Every structure is written in C-alpha cells, then in structure tokens.
Amino acid sequence: MFRSNSNKYAIKQVLKHPRVFAGYIGKFMGKDAERVVLRSFNKEIAPRLKPLLKYTDGLEDAVAMAVYRGVMAATHNGYLANMAKVGAKIAIDLM
C-alpha cells in the first residue's frame, strides 16, 4: 500500500515538474532523450499519465510505457522511445 501511494505522489510530481523529470532522464539516458521527453510531454505523455492516478498496482511500468508511447507518437523513433522508457523508470524512483 505504501509503495503505491509513493508512486502516485511521484506521478503527481512528474505532472507538476516535467522539467525535473526530463532532467533525470537526461542525466541517465542522454540529452536526446531529455529533449524528446520535454518536447512531447504536454501533448503526448501527460495525457497518458493522468489516468494512472486511478490505479494502485504496477505504476512504475505503466509510467514507463506511457512515456514510451508518448515519445513514439511524437517522434516515431524506437531508439529514443526505449531510452526515454528506461530513463522514466529510473526517474520515477528518484522523484
């Protein structure tokens, strides 16, 4: 139960501070991944994250997949989408 609440808090922080989230992704996965997450955040990623606040289980993977799908929708670049997905898993633990 505690972990799901902390994941929900992390998702809220990601939605509130997308630059910090993208900064963590950039720190671990490179500036290209950071730029593509920032560029696609409001239009593609945030709308995929907001519905996750209703759930309690599997939120880390769901956030990573939401970032992956958002980056794919914005860029159609599988390499960057995978980098952003891995970075999102790391970043959600750090937030």
PDB file of N, CA and C in Angstrom:
ATOM      1  N   MET A   1       0.825  -1.200   0.000  1.00  0.00           N
ATOM      2  CA  MET A   1       0.000   0.000   0.000  1.00  0.00           C
ATOM      3  C   MET A   1       0.862   1.255   0.000  1.00  0.00           C
ATOM      4  N   PHE A   2       1.883   1.285   0.859  1.00  0.00           N
ATOM      5  CA  PHE A   2       2.727   2.468   0.935  1.00  0.00           C
ATOM      6  C   PHE A   2       3.391   2.763  -0.402  1.00  0.00           C
ATOM      7  N   ARG A   3       3.894   1.719  -1.070  1.00  0.00           N
ATOM      8  CA  ARG A   3       4.602   1.915  -2.332  1.00  0.00           C
ATOM      9  C   ARG A   3       3.674   2.510  -3.388  1.00  0.00           C
ATOM     10  N   SER A   4       2.430   2.065  -3.441  1.00  0.00           N
ATOM     11  CA  SER A   4       1.514   2.609  -4.447  1.00  0.00           C
ATOM     12  C   SER A   4       1.239   4.083  -4.179  1.00  0.00           C
ATOM     13  N   ASN A   5       1.145   4.459  -2.897  1.00  0.00           N
ATOM     14  CA  ASN A   5       0.936   5.877  -2.585  1.00  0.00           C
ATOM     15  C   ASN A   5       2.146   6.706  -2.982  1.00  0.00           C
ATOM     16  N   SER A   6       3.343   6.163  -2.773  1.00  0.00           N
ATOM     17  CA  SER A   6       4.534   6.917  -3.166  1.00  0.00           C
ATOM     18  C   SER A   6       4.633   7.015  -4.684  1.00  0.00           C
ATOM     19  N   ASN A   7       4.190   5.978  -5.407  1.00  0.00           N
ATOM     20  CA  ASN A   7       4.178   6.046  -6.867  1.00  0.00           C
ATOM     21  C   ASN A   7       3.178   7.089  -7.353  1.00  0.00           C
ATOM     22  N   LYS A   8       2.025   7.154  -6.718  1.00  0.00           N
ATOM     23  CA  LYS A   8       1.048   8.175  -7.096  1.00  0.00           C
ATOM     24  C   LYS A   8       1.604   9.567  -6.829  1.00  0.00           C
ATOM     25  N   TYR A   9       2.284   9.713  -5.707  1.00  0.00           N
ATOM     26  CA  TYR A   9       2.911  11.000  -5.399  1.00  0.00           C
ATOM     27  C   TYR A   9       3.954  11.341  -6.465  1.00  0.00           C
ATOM     28  N   ALA A  10       4.745  10.345  -6.864  1.00  0.00           N
ATOM     29  CA  ALA A  10       5.766  10.563  -7.893  1.00  0.00           C
ATOM     30  C   ALA A  10       5.127  10.978  -9.215  1.00  0.00           C
ATOM     31  N   ILE A  11       4.023  10.338  -9.588  1.00  0.00           N
ATOM     32  CA  ILE A  11       3.333  10.711 -10.829  1.00  0.00           C
ATOM     33  C   ILE A  11       2.833  12.155 -10.737  1.00  0.00           C
ATOM     34  N   LYS A  12       2.287  12.526  -9.592  1.00  0.00           N
ATOM     35  CA  LYS A  12       1.835  13.913  -9.416  1.00  0.00           C
ATOM     36  C   LYS A  12       2.998  14.878  -9.550  1.00  0.00           C
ATOM     37  N   GLN A  13       4.155  14.515  -9.011  1.00  0.00           N
ATOM     38  CA  GLN A  13       5.333  15.369  -9.110  1.00  0.00           C
ATOM     39  C   GLN A  13       5.823  15.460 -10.556  1.00  0.00           C
ATOM     40  N   VAL A  14       5.747  14.349 -11.279  1.00  0.00           N
ATOM     41  CA  VAL A  14       6.134  14.355 -12.698  1.00  0.00           C
ATOM     42  C   VAL A  14       5.228  15.308 -13.471  1.00  0.00           C
ATOM     43  N   LEU A  15       3.929  15.244 -13.218  1.00  0.00           N
ATOM     44  CA  LEU A  15       2.980  16.114 -13.911  1.00  0.00           C
ATOM     45  C   LEU A  15       3.184  17.578 -13.527  1.00  0.00           C
ATOM     46  N   LYS A  16       3.584  17.808 -12.285  1.00  0.00           N
ATOM     47  CA  LYS A  16       3.787  19.171 -11.806  1.00  0.00           C
ATOM     48  C   LYS A  16       5.136  19.740 -12.248  1.00  0.00           C
ATOM     49  N   HIS A  17       6.156  18.881 -12.354  1.00  0.00           N
ATOM     50  CA  HIS A  17       7.515  19.329 -12.668  1.00  0.00           C
ATOM     51  C   HIS A  17       8.113  18.503 -13.810  1.00  0.00           C
ATOM     52  N   PRO A  18       7.597  18.649 -15.020  1.00  0.00           N
ATOM     53  CA  PRO A  18       8.100  17.834 -16.129  1.00  0.00           C
ATOM     54  C   PRO A  18       9.567  18.089 -16.458  1.00  0.00           C
ATOM     55  N   ARG A  19      10.056  19.286 -16.205  1.00  0.00           N
ATOM     56  CA  ARG A  19      11.475  19.579 -16.497  1.00  0.00           C
ATOM     57  C   ARG A  19      12.402  18.796 -15.569  1.00  0.00           C
ATOM     58  N   VAL A  20      12.019  18.648 -14.318  1.00  0.00           N
ATOM     59  CA  VAL A  20      12.832  17.861 -13.380  1.00  0.00           C
ATOM     60  C   VAL A  20      12.840  16.400 -13.822  1.00  0.00           C
ATOM     61  N   PHE A  21      11.666  15.879 -14.174  1.00  0.00           N
ATOM     62  CA  PHE A  21      11.548  14.508 -14.656  1.00  0.00           C
ATOM     63  C   PHE A  21      12.414  14.299 -15.893  1.00  0.00           C
ATOM     64  N   ALA A  22      12.310  15.199 -16.850  1.00  0.00           N
ATOM     65  CA  ALA A  22      13.107  15.090 -18.070  1.00  0.00           C
ATOM     66  C   ALA A  22      14.596  15.237 -17.754  1.00  0.00           C
ATOM     67  N   GLY A  23      14.921  16.062 -16.768  1.00  0.00           N
ATOM     68  CA  GLY A  23      16.310  16.224 -16.370  1.00  0.00           C
ATOM     69  C   GLY A  23      16.910  14.930 -15.842  1.00  0.00           C
ATOM     70  N   TYR A  24      16.140  14.189 -15.048  1.00  0.00           N
ATOM     71  CA  TYR A  24      16.600  12.882 -14.568  1.00  0.00           C
ATOM     72  C   TYR A  24      16.803  11.924 -15.737  1.00  0.00           C
ATOM     73  N   ILE A  25      15.867  11.937 -16.656  1.00  0.00           N
ATOM     74  CA  ILE A  25      16.003  11.067 -17.831  1.00  0.00           C
ATOM     75  C   ILE A  25      17.264  11.452 -18.600  1.00  0.00           C
ATOM     76  N   GLY A  26      17.486  12.741 -18.783  1.00  0.00           N
ATOM     77  CA  GLY A  26      18.673  13.200 -19.488  1.00  0.00           C
ATOM     78  C   GLY A  26      19.960  12.838 -18.776  1.00  0.00           C
ATOM     79  N   LYS A  27      19.936  12.880 -17.459  1.00  0.00           N
ATOM     80  CA  LYS A  27      21.129  12.561 -16.680  1.00  0.00           C
ATOM     81  C   LYS A  27      21.580  11.130 -16.899  1.00  0.00           C
ATOM     82  N   PHE A  28      20.631  10.218 -17.007  1.00  0.00           N
ATOM     83  CA  PHE A  28      20.966   8.804 -17.129  1.00  0.00           C
ATOM     84  C   PHE A  28      20.934   8.277 -18.552  1.00  0.00           C
ATOM     85  N   MET A  29      20.138   8.899 -19.428  1.00  0.00           N
ATOM     86  CA  MET A  29      19.950   8.346 -20.762  1.00  0.00           C
ATOM     87  C   MET A  29      20.415   9.274 -21.883  1.00  0.00           C
ATOM     88  N   GLY A  30      20.832  10.484 -21.564  1.00  0.00           N
ATOM     89  CA  GLY A  30      21.351  11.386 -22.576  1.00  0.00           C
ATOM     90  C   GLY A  30      20.418  12.549 -22.881  1.00  0.00           C
ATOM     91  N   LYS A  31      21.021  13.576 -23.443  1.00  0.00           N
ATOM     92  CA  LYS A  31      20.281  14.805 -23.738  1.00  0.00           C
ATOM     93  C   LYS A  31      19.220  14.627 -24.820  1.00  0.00           C
ATOM     94  N   ASP A  32      19.451  13.708 -25.752  1.00  0.00           N
ATOM     95  CA  ASP A  32      18.431  13.472 -26.788  1.00  0.00           C
ATOM     96  C   ASP A  32      17.146  12.969 -26.159  1.00  0.00           C
ATOM     97  N   ALA A  33      17.268  12.034 -25.226  1.00  0.00           N
ATOM     98  CA  ALA A  33      16.081  11.507 -24.551  1.00  0.00           C
ATOM     99  C   ALA A  33      15.401  12.602 -23.734  1.00  0.00           C
ATOM    100  N   GLU A  34      16.191  13.440 -23.084  1.00  0.00           N
ATOM    101  CA  GLU A  34      15.628  14.544 -22.301  1.00  0.00           C
ATOM    102  C   GLU A  34      14.839  15.502 -23.199  1.00  0.00           C
ATOM    103  N   ARG A  35      15.452  15.878 -24.322  1.00  0.00           N
ATOM    104  CA  ARG A  35      14.777  16.820 -25.237  1.00  0.00           C
ATOM    105  C   ARG A  35      13.481  16.258 -25.786  1.00  0.00           C
ATOM    106  N   VAL A  36      13.486  14.980 -26.172  1.00  0.00           N
ATOM    107  CA  VAL A  36      12.283  14.416 -26.775  1.00  0.00           C
ATOM    108  C   VAL A  36      11.167  14.275 -25.728  1.00  0.00           C
ATOM    109  N   VAL A  37      11.522  13.981 -24.483  1.00  0.00           N
ATOM    110  CA  VAL A  37      10.501  13.913 -23.432  1.00  0.00           C
ATOM    111  C   VAL A  37       9.921  15.302 -23.186  1.00  0.00           C
ATOM    112  N   LEU A  38      10.769  16.303 -23.093  1.00  0.00           N
ATOM    113  CA  LEU A  38      10.267  17.670 -22.887  1.00  0.00           C
ATOM    114  C   LEU A  38       9.387  18.123 -24.039  1.00  0.00           C
ATOM    115  N   ARG A  39       9.822  17.830 -25.249  1.00  0.00           N
ATOM    116  CA  ARG A  39       9.081  18.272 -26.431  1.00  0.00           C
ATOM    117  C   ARG A  39       7.709  17.598 -26.532  1.00  0.00           C
ATOM    118  N   SER A  40       7.616  16.354 -26.097  1.00  0.00           N
ATOM    119  CA  SER A  40       6.353  15.621 -26.256  1.00  0.00           C
ATOM    120  C   SER A  40       5.562  15.507 -24.960  1.00  0.00           C
ATOM    121  N   PHE A  41       6.014  16.152 -23.883  1.00  0.00           N
ATOM    122  CA  PHE A  41       5.379  15.933 -22.582  1.00  0.00           C
ATOM    123  C   PHE A  41       3.927  16.385 -22.548  1.00  0.00           C
ATOM    124  N   ASN A  42       3.660  17.639 -22.837  1.00  0.00           N
ATOM    125  CA  ASN A  42       2.293  18.172 -22.681  1.00  0.00           C
ATOM    126  C   ASN A  42       1.292  17.526 -23.626  1.00  0.00           C
ATOM    127  N   LYS A  43       1.703  17.268 -24.842  1.00  0.00           N
ATOM    128  CA  LYS A  43       0.759  16.763 -25.841  1.00  0.00           C
ATOM    129  C   LYS A  43       0.589  15.242 -25.789  1.00  0.00           C
ATOM    130  N   GLU A  44       1.662  14.502 -25.512  1.00  0.00           N
ATOM    131  CA  GLU A  44       1.615  13.048 -25.630  1.00  0.00           C
ATOM    132  C   GLU A  44       1.792  12.287 -24.311  1.00  0.00           C
ATOM    133  N   ILE A  45       2.643  12.765 -23.419  1.00  0.00           N
ATOM    134  CA  ILE A  45       2.963  11.986 -22.224  1.00  0.00           C
ATOM    135  C   ILE A  45       2.011  12.288 -21.068  1.00  0.00           C
ATOM    136  N   ALA A  46       1.800  13.558 -20.756  1.00  0.00           N
ATOM    137  CA  ALA A  46       0.932  13.924 -19.628  1.00  0.00           C
ATOM    138  C   ALA A  46      -0.475  13.332 -19.750  1.00  0.00           C
ATOM    139  N   PRO A  47      -1.109  13.378 -20.933  1.00  0.00           N
ATOM    140  CA  PRO A  47      -2.441  12.767 -21.026  1.00  0.00           C
ATOM    141  C   PRO A  47      -2.430  11.255 -20.774  1.00  0.00           C
ATOM    142  N   ARG A  48      -1.291  10.601 -20.975  1.00  0.00           N
ATOM    143  CA  ARG A  48      -1.193   9.171 -20.712  1.00  0.00           C
ATOM    144  C   ARG A  48      -0.892   8.886 -19.241  1.00  0.00           C
ATOM    145  N   LEU A  49      -0.347   9.860 -18.527  1.00  0.00           N
ATOM    146  CA  LEU A  49      -0.023   9.668 -17.112  1.00  0.00           C
ATOM    147  C   LEU A  49      -1.215   9.942 -16.202  1.00  0.00           C
ATOM    148  N   LYS A  50      -2.024  10.916 -16.547  1.00  0.00           N
ATOM    149  CA  LYS A  50      -3.128  11.316 -15.668  1.00  0.00           C
ATOM    150  C   LYS A  50      -4.074  10.168 -15.317  1.00  0.00           C
ATOM    151  N   PRO A  51      -4.477   9.307 -16.252  1.00  0.00           N
ATOM    152  CA  PRO A  51      -5.367   8.205 -15.878  1.00  0.00           C
ATOM    153  C   PRO A  51      -4.727   7.193 -14.916  1.00  0.00           C
ATOM    154  N   LEU A  52      -3.400   7.153 -14.845  1.00  0.00           N
ATOM    155  CA  LEU A  52      -2.725   6.200 -13.972  1.00  0.00           C
ATOM    156  C   LEU A  52      -2.927   6.519 -12.499  1.00  0.00           C
ATOM    157  N   LEU A  53      -3.336   7.732 -12.186  1.00  0.00           N
ATOM    158  CA  LEU A  53      -3.556   8.105 -10.789  1.00  0.00           C
ATOM    159  C   LEU A  53      -4.721   7.335 -10.171  1.00  0.00           C
ATOM    160  N   LYS A  54      -5.573   6.709 -10.996  1.00  0.00           N
ATOM    161  CA  LYS A  54      -6.707   5.929 -10.504  1.00  0.00           C
ATOM    162  C   LYS A  54      -6.291   4.549 -10.013  1.00  0.00           C
ATOM    163  N   TYR A  55      -5.120   4.076 -10.428  1.00  0.00           N
ATOM    164  CA  TYR A  55      -4.711   2.706 -10.145  1.00  0.00           C
ATOM    165  C   TYR A  55      -3.710   2.649  -9.007  1.00  0.00           C
ATOM    166  N   THR A  56      -3.504   1.438  -8.473  1.00  0.00           N
ATOM    167  CA  THR A  56      -2.584   1.272  -7.361  1.00  0.00           C
ATOM    168  C   THR A  56      -1.432   0.325  -7.674  1.00  0.00           C
ATOM    169  N   ASP A  57      -1.601  -0.613  -8.574  1.00  0.00           N
ATOM    170  CA  ASP A  57      -0.569  -1.613  -8.826  1.00  0.00           C
ATOM    171  C   ASP A  57       0.107  -1.379 -10.172  1.00  0.00           C
ATOM    172  N   GLY A  58       1.392  -1.707 -10.233  1.00  0.00           N
ATOM    173  CA  GLY A  58       2.126  -1.677 -11.490  1.00  0.00           C
ATOM    174  C   GLY A  58       2.345  -0.294 -12.063  1.00  0.00           C
ATOM    175  N   LEU A  59       2.429   0.700 -11.214  1.00  0.00           N
ATOM    176  CA  LEU A  59       2.514   2.069 -11.707  1.00  0.00           C
ATOM    177  C   LEU A  59       3.868   2.396 -12.339  1.00  0.00           C
ATOM    178  N   GLU A  60       4.957   1.831 -11.835  1.00  0.00           N
ATOM    179  CA  GLU A  60       6.262   2.137 -12.422  1.00  0.00           C
ATOM    180  C   GLU A  60       6.313   1.706 -13.884  1.00  0.00           C
ATOM    181  N   ASP A  61       5.869   0.481 -14.156  1.00  0.00           N
ATOM    182  CA  ASP A  61       5.861   0.001 -15.536  1.00  0.00           C
ATOM    183  C   ASP A  61       4.876   0.788 -16.389  1.00  0.00           C
ATOM    184  N   ALA A  62       3.747   1.154 -15.805  1.00  0.00           N
ATOM    185  CA  ALA A  62       2.744   1.912 -16.549  1.00  0.00           C
ATOM    186  C   ALA A  62       3.271   3.302 -16.913  1.00  0.00           C
ATOM    187  N   VAL A  63       3.992   3.936 -16.000  1.00  0.00           N
ATOM    188  CA  VAL A  63       4.584   5.248 -16.302  1.00  0.00           C
ATOM    189  C   VAL A  63       5.604   5.104 -17.421  1.00  0.00           C
ATOM    190  N   ALA A  64       6.452   4.089 -17.323  1.00  0.00           N
ATOM    191  CA  ALA A  64       7.474   3.875 -18.350  1.00  0.00           C
ATOM    192  C   ALA A  64       6.828   3.645 -19.719  1.00  0.00           C
ATOM    193  N   MET A  65       5.777   2.851 -19.759  1.00  0.00           N
ATOM    194  CA  MET A  65       5.102   2.591 -21.033  1.00  0.00           C
ATOM    195  C   MET A  65       4.375   3.830 -21.543  1.00  0.00           C
ATOM    196  N   ALA A  66       3.831   4.647 -20.646  1.00  0.00           N
ATOM    197  CA  ALA A  66       3.191   5.896 -21.072  1.00  0.00           C
ATOM    198  C   ALA A  66       4.212   6.829 -21.708  1.00  0.00           C
ATOM    199  N   VAL A  67       5.403   6.899 -21.121  1.00  0.00           N
ATOM    200  CA  VAL A  67       6.462   7.720 -21.702  1.00  0.00           C
ATOM    201  C   VAL A  67       6.868   7.143 -23.054  1.00  0.00           C
ATOM    202  N   TYR A  68       7.035   5.835 -23.123  1.00  0.00           N
ATOM    203  CA  TYR A  68       7.412   5.178 -24.380  1.00  0.00           C
ATOM    204  C   TYR A  68       6.401   5.484 -25.482  1.00  0.00           C
ATOM    205  N   ARG A  69       5.124   5.285 -25.186  1.00  0.00           N
ATOM    206  CA  ARG A  69       4.079   5.523 -26.194  1.00  0.00           C
ATOM    207  C   ARG A  69       4.004   6.994 -26.594  1.00  0.00           C
ATOM    208  N   GLY A  70       4.184   7.878 -25.611  1.00  0.00           N
ATOM    209  CA  GLY A  70       4.159   9.309 -25.919  1.00  0.00           C
ATOM    210  C   GLY A  70       5.296   9.724 -26.827  1.00  0.00           C
ATOM    211  N   VAL A  71       6.499   9.216 -26.542  1.00  0.00           N
ATOM    212  CA  VAL A  71       7.649   9.554 -27.384  1.00  0.00           C
ATOM    213  C   VAL A  71       7.493   8.938 -28.768  1.00  0.00           C
ATOM    214  N   MET A  72       6.991   7.700 -28.835  1.00  0.00           N
ATOM    215  CA  MET A  72       6.767   7.063 -30.141  1.00  0.00           C
ATOM    216  C   MET A  72       5.748   7.848 -30.955  1.00  0.00           C
ATOM    217  N   ALA A  73       4.686   8.312 -30.302  1.00  0.00           N
ATOM    218  CA  ALA A  73       3.666   9.084 -31.016  1.00  0.00           C
ATOM    219  C   ALA A  73       4.234  10.407 -31.524  1.00  0.00           C
ATOM    220  N   ALA A  74       5.138  10.981 -30.751  1.00  0.00           N
ATOM    221  CA  ALA A  74       5.692  12.281 -31.131  1.00  0.00           C
ATOM    222  C   ALA A  74       6.811  12.170 -32.159  1.00  0.00           C
ATOM    223  N   THR A  75       7.632  11.114 -32.078  1.00  0.00           N
ATOM    224  CA  THR A  75       8.837  11.072 -32.907  1.00  0.00           C
ATOM    225  C   THR A  75       8.923   9.877 -33.853  1.00  0.00           C
ATOM    226  N   HIS A  76       8.217   8.794 -33.576  1.00  0.00           N
ATOM    227  CA  HIS A  76       8.313   7.544 -34.343  1.00  0.00           C
ATOM    228  C   HIS A  76       9.739   7.004 -34.339  1.00  0.00           C
ATOM    229  N   ASN A  77      10.470   7.260 -33.249  1.00  0.00           N
ATOM    230  CA  ASN A  77      11.852   6.822 -33.116  1.00  0.00           C
ATOM    231  C   ASN A  77      11.925   5.824 -31.967  1.00  0.00           C
ATOM    232  N   GLY A  78      12.007   4.547 -32.298  1.00  0.00           N
ATOM    233  CA  GLY A  78      12.014   3.488 -31.293  1.00  0.00           C
ATOM    234  C   GLY A  78      13.205   3.558 -30.357  1.00  0.00           C
ATOM    235  N   TYR A  79      14.357   3.954 -30.891  1.00  0.00           N
ATOM    236  CA  TYR A  79      15.555   4.054 -30.060  1.00  0.00           C
ATOM    237  C   TYR A  79      15.373   5.101 -28.963  1.00  0.00           C
ATOM    238  N   LEU A  80      14.922   6.296 -29.337  1.00  0.00           N
ATOM    239  CA  LEU A  80      14.697   7.344 -28.340  1.00  0.00           C
ATOM    240  C   LEU A  80      13.576   6.971 -27.381  1.00  0.00           C
ATOM    241  N   ALA A  81      12.553   6.318 -27.894  1.00  0.00           N
ATOM    242  CA  ALA A  81      11.435   5.911 -27.039  1.00  0.00           C
ATOM    243  C   ALA A  81      11.901   4.911 -25.986  1.00  0.00           C
ATOM    244  N   ASN A  82      12.750   3.955 -26.381  1.00  0.00           N
ATOM    245  CA  ASN A  82      13.277   2.992 -25.411  1.00  0.00           C
ATOM    246  C   ASN A  82      14.176   3.671 -24.390  1.00  0.00           C
ATOM    247  N   MET A  83      15.004   4.591 -24.841  1.00  0.00           N
ATOM    248  CA  MET A  83      15.860   5.321 -23.902  1.00  0.00           C
ATOM    249  C   MET A  83      15.015   6.108 -22.910  1.00  0.00           C
ATOM    250  N   ALA A  84      13.985   6.756 -23.395  1.00  0.00           N
ATOM    251  CA  ALA A  84      13.111   7.536 -22.516  1.00  0.00           C
ATOM    252  C   ALA A  84      12.373   6.624 -21.544  1.00  0.00           C
ATOM    253  N   LYS A  85      11.980   5.432 -21.997  1.00  0.00           N
ATOM    254  CA  LYS A  85      11.272   4.481 -21.132  1.00  0.00           C
ATOM    255  C   LYS A  85      12.168   4.031 -19.982  1.00  0.00           C
ATOM    256  N   VAL A  86      13.385   3.660 -20.291  1.00  0.00           N
ATOM    257  CA  VAL A  86      14.314   3.228 -19.246  1.00  0.00           C
ATOM    258  C   VAL A  86      14.611   4.391 -18.302  1.00  0.00           C
ATOM    259  N   GLY A  87      14.826   5.562 -18.867  1.00  0.00           N
ATOM    260  CA  GLY A  87      15.066   6.740 -18.031  1.00  0.00           C
ATOM    261  C   GLY A  87      13.884   7.069 -17.143  1.00  0.00           C
ATOM    262  N   ALA A  88      12.679   6.850 -17.636  1.00  0.00           N
ATOM    263  CA  ALA A  88      11.473   7.122 -16.848  1.00  0.00           C
ATOM    264  C   ALA A  88      11.399   6.200 -15.647  1.00  0.00           C
ATOM    265  N   LYS A  89      11.787   4.927 -15.813  1.00  0.00           N
ATOM    266  CA  LYS A  89      11.785   4.007 -14.673  1.00  0.00           C
ATOM    267  C   LYS A  89      12.752   4.478 -13.595  1.00  0.00           C
ATOM    268  N   ILE A  90      13.903   4.951 -14.013  1.00  0.00           N
ATOM    269  CA  ILE A  90      14.876   5.460 -13.050  1.00  0.00           C
ATOM    270  C   ILE A  90      14.349   6.743 -12.408  1.00  0.00           C
ATOM    271  N   ALA A  91      13.830   7.634 -13.225  1.00  0.00           N
ATOM    272  CA  ALA A  91      13.379   8.938 -12.736  1.00  0.00           C
ATOM    273  C   ALA A  91      12.210   8.812 -11.773  1.00  0.00           C
ATOM    274  N   ILE A  92      11.292   7.896 -12.009  1.00  0.00           N
ATOM    275  CA  ILE A  92      10.133   7.768 -11.134  1.00  0.00           C
ATOM    276  C   ILE A  92      10.566   7.304  -9.748  1.00  0.00           C
ATOM    277  N   ASP A  93      11.648   6.530  -9.680  1.00  0.00           N
ATOM    278  CA  ASP A  93      12.173   6.134  -8.371  1.00  0.00           C
ATOM    279  C   ASP A  93      12.863   7.292  -7.663  1.00  0.00           C
ATOM    280  N   LEU A  94      13.407   8.227  -8.420  1.00  0.00           N
ATOM    281  CA  LEU A  94      14.133   9.340  -7.822  1.00  0.00           C
ATOM    282  C   LEU A  94      13.235  10.495  -7.408  1.00  0.00           C
ATOM    283  N   MET A  95      12.027  10.543  -7.952  1.00  0.00           N
ATOM    284  CA  MET A  95      11.145  11.673  -7.660  1.00  0.00           C
ATOM    285  C   MET A  95      10.395  11.464  -6.359  1.00  0.00           C
TER     286      MET A  95
END
